[in-house]
Amino acid sequence: MKEKCTKWLWSGAVLIFVMTGLSSTPLWAREPVSRENPDPERPEYFAHLVFEEARIVLPVAFARSAAGYVTITNQGLEARRIVAVDSPLARQVELHNMDIVTDQSDNEYMQMRPLADGLLLPPAETVTLEPGGLHIMLMGLDGESLSIDQVVPLTLTFADGAVFELFFRVRSGS
């Protein structure tokens, strides 16, 4: 009898763990980020996705573009795809990847390319947007619109039509 009870207790614990999105922090203990006073230093949660370390690198003075980086963990059982990103501070925002390209003379160089099909977030995996790889490109800045520690909202649109506003903090360096 004791073995059956122990088995049921473990089964229940596993079920609760799975239901909380495979996270060490249970859903009922997570505090939502306030939209009135956003804090990009804290993880944000949306539809089994966890967004961490959302930041925009401060561009050089009077630059017309900047790059955004974030770590996204899909804790769900289905893949998600970000198909568009928008920001009130940029005329155009795109998801990009840096590829190493070889020319006809066997010279290698890095080339930035937009992700035509959006950004795939496979289930139970983490996708990191970082310098030299995947990133969010904000283009058409006015050259003076970003400052250190400024919080910038970016609106992510998913393939299923869902929309999520994620806050990025402007940082120096990468």
Protein backbone atom coordinates (compact mmCIF):
# COMPACT_ATOMS: atom_id res chain seq x y z
CA MET A 1 0.00 0.00 0.00
CA LYS A 2 2.81 2.39 0.93
CA GLU A 3 4.50 1.76 -2.44
CA LYS A 4 1.26 2.62 -4.29
CA CYS A 5 0.91 5.88 -2.36
CA THR A 6 4.52 6.82 -3.09
CA LYS A 7 4.00 6.04 -6.79
CA TRP A 8 0.88 8.23 -6.89
CA LEU A 9 2.65 11.06 -5.08
CA TRP A 10 5.54 10.98 -7.55
CA SER A 11 3.10 10.85 -10.49
CA GLY A 12 1.29 13.88 -9.10
CA ALA A 13 4.55 15.78 -8.60
CA VAL A 14 5.60 15.06 -12.18
CA LEU A 15 2.20 16.17 -13.47
CA ILE A 16 2.41 19.45 -11.55
CA PHE A 17 5.96 20.00 -12.89
CA VAL A 18 4.79 19.47 -16.49
CA MET A 19 1.71 21.64 -16.01
CA THR A 20 3.83 24.55 -14.82
CA GLY A 21 5.62 24.67 -18.15
CA LEU A 22 8.66 22.60 -17.23
CA SER A 23 9.96 25.48 -15.17
CA SER A 24 11.60 25.46 -11.78
CA THR A 25 9.34 28.40 -10.89
CA PRO A 26 5.69 27.32 -10.68
CA LEU A 27 3.11 29.39 -12.54
CA TRP A 28 1.39 30.50 -9.33
CA ALA A 29 4.68 31.91 -8.00
CA ARG A 30 5.51 33.92 -11.11
CA GLU A 31 4.82 37.62 -10.88
CA PRO A 32 3.83 39.27 -14.15
CA VAL A 33 5.93 42.15 -15.37
CA SER A 34 4.04 45.40 -14.88
CA ARG A 35 3.20 47.09 -18.16
CA GLU A 36 3.23 50.46 -16.37
CA ASN A 37 6.74 49.91 -15.01
CA PRO A 38 8.43 47.21 -17.13
CA ASP A 39 11.61 45.52 -15.93
CA PRO A 40 13.54 43.80 -18.76
CA GLU A 41 15.94 42.40 -16.15
CA ARG A 42 13.26 39.90 -15.11
CA PRO A 43 12.11 37.03 -17.31
CA GLU A 44 8.82 37.51 -19.11
CA TYR A 45 6.38 34.69 -19.86
CA PHE A 46 3.99 34.28 -22.77
CA ALA A 47 2.27 31.11 -24.03
CA HIS A 48 4.88 28.63 -22.69
CA LEU A 49 7.71 30.92 -23.82
CA VAL A 50 10.25 32.44 -21.45
CA PHE A 51 12.08 35.60 -22.57
CA GLU A 52 15.29 36.50 -20.72
CA GLU A 53 18.05 39.10 -21.03
CA ALA A 54 16.17 41.25 -23.55
CA ARG A 55 18.54 44.04 -24.53
CA ILE A 56 19.35 46.45 -27.33
CA VAL A 57 22.97 47.41 -27.82
CA LEU A 58 23.42 51.17 -27.84
CA PRO A 59 24.64 52.08 -31.32
CA VAL A 60 27.35 54.63 -32.02
CA ALA A 61 26.24 58.27 -31.99
CA PHE A 62 23.77 59.20 -34.73
CA ALA A 63 23.48 55.61 -35.99
CA ARG A 64 20.28 54.79 -37.87
CA SER A 65 20.14 51.14 -36.75
CA ALA A 66 20.63 48.98 -33.65
CA ALA A 67 20.55 45.29 -32.77
CA GLY A 68 18.40 43.57 -30.17
CA TYR A 69 19.18 40.30 -28.41
CA VAL A 70 17.17 37.97 -26.19
CA THR A 71 17.16 34.35 -25.01
CA ILE A 72 13.86 32.55 -25.66
CA THR A 73 12.98 29.17 -24.18
CA ASN A 74 9.96 27.32 -25.52
CA GLN A 75 8.67 25.28 -22.59
CA GLY A 76 5.66 24.09 -24.56
CA LEU A 77 4.99 20.95 -26.55
CA GLU A 78 4.51 22.73 -29.89
CA ALA A 79 6.83 24.85 -32.01
CA ARG A 80 6.13 28.59 -32.19
CA ARG A 81 7.26 31.00 -34.89
CA ILE A 82 7.81 34.74 -34.60
CA VAL A 83 6.96 36.20 -38.01
CA ALA A 84 7.19 39.94 -37.35
CA VAL A 85 8.61 42.47 -34.89
CA ASP A 86 7.61 46.11 -34.57
CA SER A 87 8.75 49.07 -32.45
CA PRO A 88 7.56 52.64 -32.14
CA LEU A 89 11.19 53.85 -32.29
CA ALA A 90 12.15 52.27 -35.63
CA ARG A 91 10.71 52.65 -39.11
CA GLN A 92 11.44 48.98 -39.81
CA VAL A 93 12.27 45.98 -37.61
CA GLU A 94 13.43 42.61 -38.96
CA LEU A 95 14.64 39.28 -37.63
CA HIS A 96 18.15 38.65 -39.01
CA ASN A 97 20.92 36.08 -39.03
CA MET A 98 24.62 36.55 -39.64
CA ASP A 99 25.98 33.96 -42.06
CA ILE A 100 29.56 33.22 -43.04
CA VAL A 101 29.71 33.46 -46.81
CA THR A 102 32.56 32.38 -49.08
CA ASP A 103 33.14 34.32 -52.30
CA GLN A 104 34.65 33.01 -55.56
CA SER A 105 38.18 33.66 -54.26
CA ASP A 106 37.56 31.56 -51.13
CA ASN A 107 37.47 34.67 -48.94
CA GLU A 108 35.07 34.35 -46.03
CA TYR A 109 33.03 37.24 -44.74
CA MET A 110 29.93 37.74 -42.61
CA GLN A 111 26.69 38.71 -44.26
CA MET A 112 23.51 39.78 -42.53
CA ARG A 113 20.30 38.33 -43.96
CA PRO A 114 16.65 38.70 -42.95
CA LEU A 115 14.84 35.52 -41.84
CA ALA A 116 12.26 35.14 -44.60
CA ASP A 117 10.20 32.56 -42.69
CA GLY A 118 10.53 34.18 -39.27
CA LEU A 119 12.18 32.76 -36.17
CA LEU A 120 11.34 29.15 -35.31
CA LEU A 121 11.14 28.30 -31.60
CA PRO A 122 11.21 24.48 -31.36
CA PRO A 123 9.48 22.82 -28.39
CA ALA A 124 11.61 22.21 -25.29
CA GLU A 125 14.52 24.21 -26.75
CA THR A 126 16.23 27.54 -26.15
CA VAL A 127 16.98 29.95 -28.99
CA THR A 128 19.53 32.66 -28.24
CA LEU A 129 19.68 35.87 -30.23
CA GLU A 130 23.25 37.11 -29.79
CA PRO A 131 25.97 39.12 -31.56
CA GLY A 132 27.32 37.33 -34.63
CA GLY A 133 24.19 35.21 -35.04
CA LEU A 134 20.44 35.62 -34.81
CA HIS A 135 19.29 39.11 -33.80
CA ILE A 136 16.55 41.70 -34.11
CA MET A 137 17.53 44.60 -36.38
CA LEU A 138 15.94 47.98 -35.68
CA MET A 139 16.34 50.22 -38.73
CA GLY A 140 15.36 53.79 -39.41
CA LEU A 141 16.14 55.18 -35.97
CA ASP A 142 16.31 58.96 -35.75
CA GLY A 143 19.92 58.78 -34.54
CA GLU A 144 19.15 60.14 -31.07
CA SER A 145 16.24 57.99 -29.92
CA LEU A 146 18.17 55.49 -27.74
CA SER A 147 19.96 56.08 -24.44
CA ILE A 148 21.56 53.81 -21.80
CA ASP A 149 18.99 52.10 -19.52
CA GLN A 150 16.09 53.22 -21.68
CA VAL A 151 13.28 50.65 -21.90
CA VAL A 152 12.08 49.98 -25.45
CA PRO A 153 8.90 48.03 -26.27
CA LEU A 154 9.01 45.60 -29.17
CA THR A 155 5.84 43.90 -30.38
CA LEU A 156 6.30 40.29 -31.45
CA THR A 157 3.76 38.76 -33.84
CA PHE A 158 3.50 34.98 -34.02
CA ALA A 159 2.45 32.79 -36.97
CA ASP A 160 -0.84 31.97 -35.23
CA GLY A 161 -1.69 35.69 -34.98
CA ALA A 162 -0.81 36.05 -31.28
CA VAL A 163 0.87 39.33 -30.34
CA PHE A 164 3.14 39.98 -27.35
CA GLU A 165 4.83 43.19 -26.22
CA LEU A 166 8.34 42.50 -24.90
CA PHE A 167 10.45 45.15 -23.19
CA PHE A 168 14.17 45.56 -24.00
CA ARG A 169 16.70 47.60 -22.02
CA VAL A 170 19.32 49.63 -23.90
CA ARG A 171 22.84 48.59 -22.86
CA SER A 172 26.35 49.57 -23.93
CA GLY A 173 28.53 46.92 -25.59
CA SER A 174 27.21 43.51 -26.56
